[in-house]
Amino acid sequence: MKHRVLVSALLCSATLSVAMADTPSIAPAVPFISGGVGDDSLANLVAREKEFDLKLFLVGQSGGYLSDIRITITNAQGQGVLLTTSEGPVLLANLPAGTYNVKAQKNGQTLEQQIRVTPGKLQTTYFRFPGE
């Protein structure tokens, strides 16, 4: 009986090790907030800008504010660091220093920009969607 328990434990351990090896690494959580629909929400985000090092401003071709935009940020190694949907025209994120690829998607359109984040300096990037 002892041998069966030991063999079962070893098999479970080997299976778990293989499963863990196949799991892609997960980037640490990136603090972010989004919004800006309405004067109060926009004022709140502006007041908190100093807490973050990246600001995405999401607008239509005519400058109108947009929301519900899918945001994907990957680091220089191609690892996803943030995947979310913006609740308004402004998204603030706090990323480690480095170079990132940012994709913004809405209604089948994808806009993409490469950005460089420097500690202590707010990097503002505009995404202007044509036809919106």
Protein backbone atom coordinates (compact mmCIF):
# COMPACT_ATOMS: atom_id res chain seq x y z
CA MET A 1 0.00 0.00 0.00
CA LYS A 2 2.84 2.38 0.87
CA HIS A 3 4.41 1.81 -2.54
CA ARG A 4 1.16 2.63 -4.37
CA VAL A 5 0.84 5.92 -2.48
CA LEU A 6 4.48 6.78 -3.21
CA VAL A 7 4.14 5.92 -6.93
CA SER A 8 0.90 7.95 -7.15
CA ALA A 9 2.56 10.92 -5.47
CA LEU A 10 5.55 10.74 -7.83
CA LEU A 11 3.31 10.54 -10.90
CA CYS A 12 1.25 13.54 -9.73
CA SER A 13 4.43 15.49 -9.05
CA ALA A 14 5.84 14.71 -12.53
CA THR A 15 2.54 15.67 -14.19
CA LEU A 16 2.42 18.96 -12.26
CA SER A 17 6.03 19.76 -13.20
CA VAL A 18 5.32 19.20 -16.91
CA ALA A 19 2.13 21.30 -16.74
CA MET A 20 3.97 24.14 -15.02
CA ALA A 21 6.78 24.06 -17.60
CA ASP A 22 4.23 24.49 -20.41
CA THR A 23 2.55 27.47 -18.75
CA PRO A 24 3.70 30.80 -20.27
CA SER A 25 5.19 33.29 -17.88
CA ILE A 26 2.80 35.94 -16.67
CA ALA A 27 3.94 39.54 -16.36
CA PRO A 28 3.37 41.27 -13.03
CA ALA A 29 0.12 43.22 -12.77
CA VAL A 30 0.29 46.71 -14.26
CA PRO A 31 -1.60 49.37 -12.27
CA PHE A 32 -3.94 51.34 -14.52
CA ILE A 33 -7.17 53.32 -14.57
CA SER A 34 -9.36 54.46 -17.43
CA GLY A 35 -12.35 56.69 -17.94
CA GLY A 36 -12.89 60.34 -18.67
CA VAL A 37 -16.52 60.22 -19.71
CA GLY A 38 -17.95 63.39 -18.16
CA ASP A 39 -16.25 66.38 -16.60
CA ASP A 40 -15.89 64.85 -13.11
CA SER A 41 -14.31 61.64 -14.38
CA LEU A 42 -11.90 63.54 -16.64
CA ALA A 43 -10.94 65.90 -13.79
CA ASN A 44 -10.27 62.90 -11.53
CA LEU A 45 -7.94 61.34 -14.10
CA VAL A 46 -6.09 64.62 -14.69
CA ALA A 47 -5.62 64.97 -10.91
CA ARG A 48 -4.07 61.47 -10.75
CA GLU A 49 -1.76 61.73 -13.79
CA LYS A 50 1.34 62.19 -11.59
CA GLU A 51 0.85 58.65 -10.23
CA PHE A 52 1.41 57.13 -13.70
CA ASP A 53 4.01 57.18 -16.47
CA LEU A 54 1.80 56.45 -19.50
CA LYS A 55 -1.29 58.29 -20.72
CA LEU A 56 -3.26 57.08 -23.72
CA PHE A 57 -5.70 59.57 -25.21
CA LEU A 58 -8.31 57.90 -27.43
CA VAL A 59 -10.19 60.11 -29.86
CA GLY A 60 -11.99 60.05 -33.19
CA GLN A 61 -10.79 61.78 -36.32
CA SER A 62 -12.69 64.95 -35.40
CA GLY A 63 -11.32 64.90 -31.83
CA GLY A 64 -14.43 63.43 -30.20
CA TYR A 65 -13.80 61.28 -27.13
CA LEU A 66 -14.04 57.50 -27.56
CA SER A 67 -14.60 54.61 -25.16
CA ASP A 68 -14.75 50.81 -25.32
CA ILE A 69 -11.39 50.56 -27.07
CA ARG A 70 -9.44 47.33 -26.66
CA ILE A 71 -5.90 48.11 -25.46
CA THR A 72 -3.02 45.64 -25.73
CA ILE A 73 0.43 46.57 -24.43
CA THR A 74 3.40 44.25 -24.96
CA ASN A 75 6.98 44.70 -23.82
CA ALA A 76 10.11 44.50 -26.02
CA GLN A 77 10.16 40.70 -25.59
CA GLY A 78 6.59 40.44 -26.92
CA GLN A 79 5.17 39.54 -23.51
CA GLY A 80 1.71 40.95 -22.80
CA VAL A 81 1.75 43.38 -19.88
CA LEU A 82 -1.74 44.89 -20.16
CA LEU A 83 -4.89 43.77 -21.95
CA THR A 84 -8.03 45.74 -21.17
CA THR A 85 -10.90 47.73 -22.62
CA SER A 86 -10.79 51.47 -21.96
CA GLU A 87 -13.86 52.83 -20.18
CA GLY A 88 -13.32 56.26 -21.70
CA PRO A 89 -10.98 58.44 -23.73
CA VAL A 90 -8.13 58.32 -21.19
CA LEU A 91 -6.14 55.37 -19.92
CA LEU A 92 -3.36 55.85 -17.38
CA ALA A 93 -0.88 53.03 -16.69
CA ASN A 94 2.23 52.63 -14.58
CA LEU A 95 4.80 50.57 -16.51
CA PRO A 96 8.42 49.74 -15.76
CA ALA A 97 10.95 51.71 -17.81
CA GLY A 98 11.34 50.33 -21.31
CA THR A 99 9.98 50.14 -24.83
CA TYR A 100 6.45 48.90 -25.47
CA ASN A 101 4.15 48.22 -28.38
CA VAL A 102 0.64 49.59 -27.84
CA LYS A 103 -2.34 48.48 -29.93
CA ALA A 104 -5.74 50.15 -29.77
CA GLN A 105 -8.66 48.40 -31.48
CA LYS A 106 -12.19 49.65 -32.20
CA ASN A 107 -14.78 48.54 -34.78
CA GLY A 108 -12.30 46.40 -36.71
CA GLN A 109 -9.66 49.14 -36.87
CA THR A 110 -6.27 48.61 -35.22
CA LEU A 111 -3.88 51.46 -34.50
CA GLU A 112 -0.40 50.67 -33.25
CA GLN A 113 2.43 52.72 -31.81
CA GLN A 114 5.75 52.01 -30.17
CA ILE A 115 6.39 54.00 -27.01
CA ARG A 116 9.26 54.48 -24.58
CA VAL A 117 8.52 54.80 -20.88
CA THR A 118 10.90 56.75 -18.67
CA PRO A 119 10.48 56.68 -14.87
CA GLY A 120 9.06 59.88 -13.41
CA LYS A 121 7.99 61.27 -16.79
CA LEU A 122 4.44 61.04 -18.15
CA GLN A 123 4.48 59.74 -21.73
CA THR A 124 1.29 60.90 -23.52
CA THR A 125 0.30 59.02 -26.67
CA TYR A 126 -2.68 59.87 -28.88
CA PHE A 127 -4.68 57.34 -30.85
CA ARG A 128 -6.91 59.05 -33.43
CA PHE A 129 -9.40 56.71 -35.10
CA PRO A 130 -10.36 57.69 -38.66
CA GLY A 131 -14.06 57.66 -39.40
CA GLU A 132 -15.06 57.93 -35.75
